[in-house]
Amino acid sequence: MRNSRNSEFNDRRSAANDAKAALLQAYRAAKEAAEPTKLARQAERQAVAGAREERRINRERVKTEERERAQAEAAVREAAIAAAATAEAEAREAADKNRISRVIEDEAARKAERDRRYANRKARRA
């Protein structure tokens, strides 16, 4: 009886080893059969990655161009603001000079009128 039990164990062990070998052989066969598909998928992934990288480069280029355009517009706005401020300061200065010259002219006219009245008064007394 003991011998039969041992042979059952050996049978089961050899069956398990055979099953493992069959699984390994099936795995290797499936791996070899899938090799062209694997290469095709890998090539497809590389193409997708290349396209993704190209899109990323294009996005960065567009962002850079937009940033440069915004900086150029900002520089133009700053220049316009500076020109407007300069023009306003010059206009204010011109208005001040004009006001000063009118005040001086008015004062000179008043003095001339005062001198004329004084001269008339002197002429009447003399």
Protein backbone atom coordinates (compact mmCIF):
# COMPACT_ATOMS: atom_id res chain seq x y z
CA MET A 1 0.00 0.00 0.00
CA ARG A 2 2.75 2.32 0.82
CA ASN A 3 4.21 1.86 -2.59
CA SER A 4 0.94 2.80 -4.28
CA ARG A 5 0.68 5.94 -2.25
CA ASN A 6 4.21 6.93 -3.20
CA SER A 7 3.50 6.28 -6.85
CA GLU A 8 0.42 8.52 -6.61
CA PHE A 9 2.55 11.25 -5.16
CA ASN A 10 5.14 10.78 -7.88
CA ASP A 11 2.41 10.77 -10.50
CA ARG A 12 0.95 13.98 -9.15
CA ARG A 13 4.39 15.58 -8.94
CA SER A 14 5.30 14.62 -12.47
CA ALA A 15 1.89 15.81 -13.69
CA ALA A 16 2.48 19.14 -11.97
CA ASN A 17 5.93 19.42 -13.52
CA ASP A 18 4.50 18.54 -16.92
CA ALA A 19 1.79 21.16 -16.47
CA LYS A 20 4.37 23.79 -15.48
CA ALA A 21 6.50 22.89 -18.50
CA ALA A 22 3.43 23.10 -20.73
CA LEU A 23 2.54 26.51 -19.29
CA LEU A 24 6.09 27.72 -19.80
CA GLN A 25 6.13 26.39 -23.35
CA ALA A 26 2.74 28.04 -24.06
CA TYR A 27 4.01 31.32 -22.59
CA ARG A 28 7.12 31.24 -24.78
CA ALA A 29 5.05 30.41 -27.86
CA ALA A 30 2.60 33.24 -27.10
CA LYS A 31 5.49 35.62 -26.52
CA GLU A 32 7.08 34.69 -29.87
CA ALA A 33 3.72 34.96 -31.62
CA ALA A 34 3.08 38.39 -30.06
CA GLU A 35 6.51 39.78 -30.99
CA PRO A 36 5.38 41.45 -34.28
CA THR A 37 2.34 42.88 -32.54
CA LYS A 38 4.54 44.08 -29.71
CA LEU A 39 6.88 45.78 -32.17
CA ALA A 40 3.92 47.37 -33.95
CA ARG A 41 2.49 48.66 -30.65
CA GLN A 42 5.90 49.96 -29.64
CA ALA A 43 6.28 51.78 -32.98
CA GLU A 44 2.78 53.19 -32.57
CA ARG A 45 3.60 54.39 -29.05
CA GLN A 46 6.77 56.03 -30.32
CA ALA A 47 4.81 57.76 -33.09
CA VAL A 48 2.23 58.97 -30.57
CA ALA A 49 5.00 60.18 -28.24
CA GLY A 50 6.69 61.98 -31.14
CA ALA A 51 3.43 63.68 -32.12
CA ARG A 52 2.81 64.62 -28.47
CA GLU A 53 6.30 66.14 -28.22
CA GLU A 54 5.74 68.07 -31.46
CA ARG A 55 2.44 69.45 -30.13
CA ARG A 56 4.16 70.43 -26.88
CA ILE A 57 6.88 72.26 -28.83
CA ASN A 58 4.24 74.03 -30.90
CA ARG A 59 2.37 75.06 -27.74
CA GLU A 60 5.56 76.43 -26.22
CA ARG A 61 6.35 78.31 -29.45
CA VAL A 62 2.85 79.81 -29.51
CA LYS A 63 3.15 80.79 -25.84
CA THR A 64 6.53 82.40 -26.50
CA GLU A 65 5.18 84.31 -29.50
CA GLU A 66 2.16 85.44 -27.47
CA ARG A 67 4.40 86.55 -24.61
CA GLU A 68 6.65 88.49 -27.00
CA ARG A 69 3.61 90.08 -28.68
CA ALA A 70 2.21 91.07 -25.27
CA GLN A 71 5.57 92.54 -24.29
CA ALA A 72 5.72 94.50 -27.55
CA GLU A 73 2.20 95.80 -27.00
CA ALA A 74 3.08 96.74 -23.44
CA ALA A 75 6.16 98.59 -24.69
CA VAL A 76 4.03 100.44 -27.24
CA ARG A 77 1.49 101.32 -24.53
CA GLU A 78 4.28 102.50 -22.22
CA ALA A 79 5.75 104.62 -25.01
CA ALA A 80 2.31 106.09 -25.75
CA ILE A 81 1.74 106.84 -22.07
CA ALA A 82 5.17 108.45 -21.80
CA ALA A 83 4.54 110.50 -24.96
CA ALA A 84 1.13 111.57 -23.64
CA ALA A 85 2.66 112.53 -20.29
CA THR A 86 5.41 114.50 -22.05
CA ALA A 87 2.88 116.23 -24.30
CA GLU A 88 0.70 117.05 -21.31
CA ALA A 89 3.67 118.45 -19.39
CA GLU A 90 4.73 120.53 -22.41
CA ALA A 91 1.16 121.79 -22.87
CA ARG A 92 0.94 122.68 -19.18
CA GLU A 93 4.30 124.45 -19.38
CA ALA A 94 3.22 126.33 -22.51
CA ALA A 95 -0.04 127.33 -20.81
CA ASP A 96 1.91 128.55 -17.77
CA LYS A 97 4.28 130.56 -19.98
CA ASN A 98 1.35 131.99 -21.88
CA ARG A 99 -0.40 132.94 -18.63
CA ILE A 100 2.82 134.50 -17.30
CA SER A 101 3.33 136.48 -20.51
CA ARG A 102 -0.30 137.74 -20.37
CA VAL A 103 0.15 138.75 -16.74
CA ILE A 104 3.35 140.59 -17.64
CA GLU A 105 1.66 142.27 -20.62
CA ASP A 106 -1.34 143.25 -18.47
CA GLU A 107 0.95 144.62 -15.80
CA ALA A 108 2.96 146.52 -18.41
CA ALA A 109 -0.29 147.92 -19.86
CA ARG A 110 -1.48 148.98 -16.38
CA LYS A 111 1.87 150.61 -15.70
CA ALA A 112 1.77 152.38 -19.05
CA GLU A 113 -1.78 153.60 -18.27
CA ARG A 114 -0.68 154.73 -14.80
CA ASP A 115 2.34 156.52 -16.26
CA ARG A 116 0.10 158.20 -18.87
CA ARG A 117 -2.32 159.40 -16.19
CA TYR A 118 0.59 160.64 -14.09
CA ALA A 119 2.03 162.48 -17.07
CA ASN A 120 -1.37 164.05 -17.82
CA ARG A 121 -1.75 165.12 -14.22
CA LYS A 122 1.73 166.67 -14.27
CA ALA A 123 0.92 168.41 -17.54
CA ARG A 124 -2.26 169.91 -16.14
CA ARG A 125 -0.47 171.24 -13.04
CA ALA A 126 2.37 172.69 -14.97
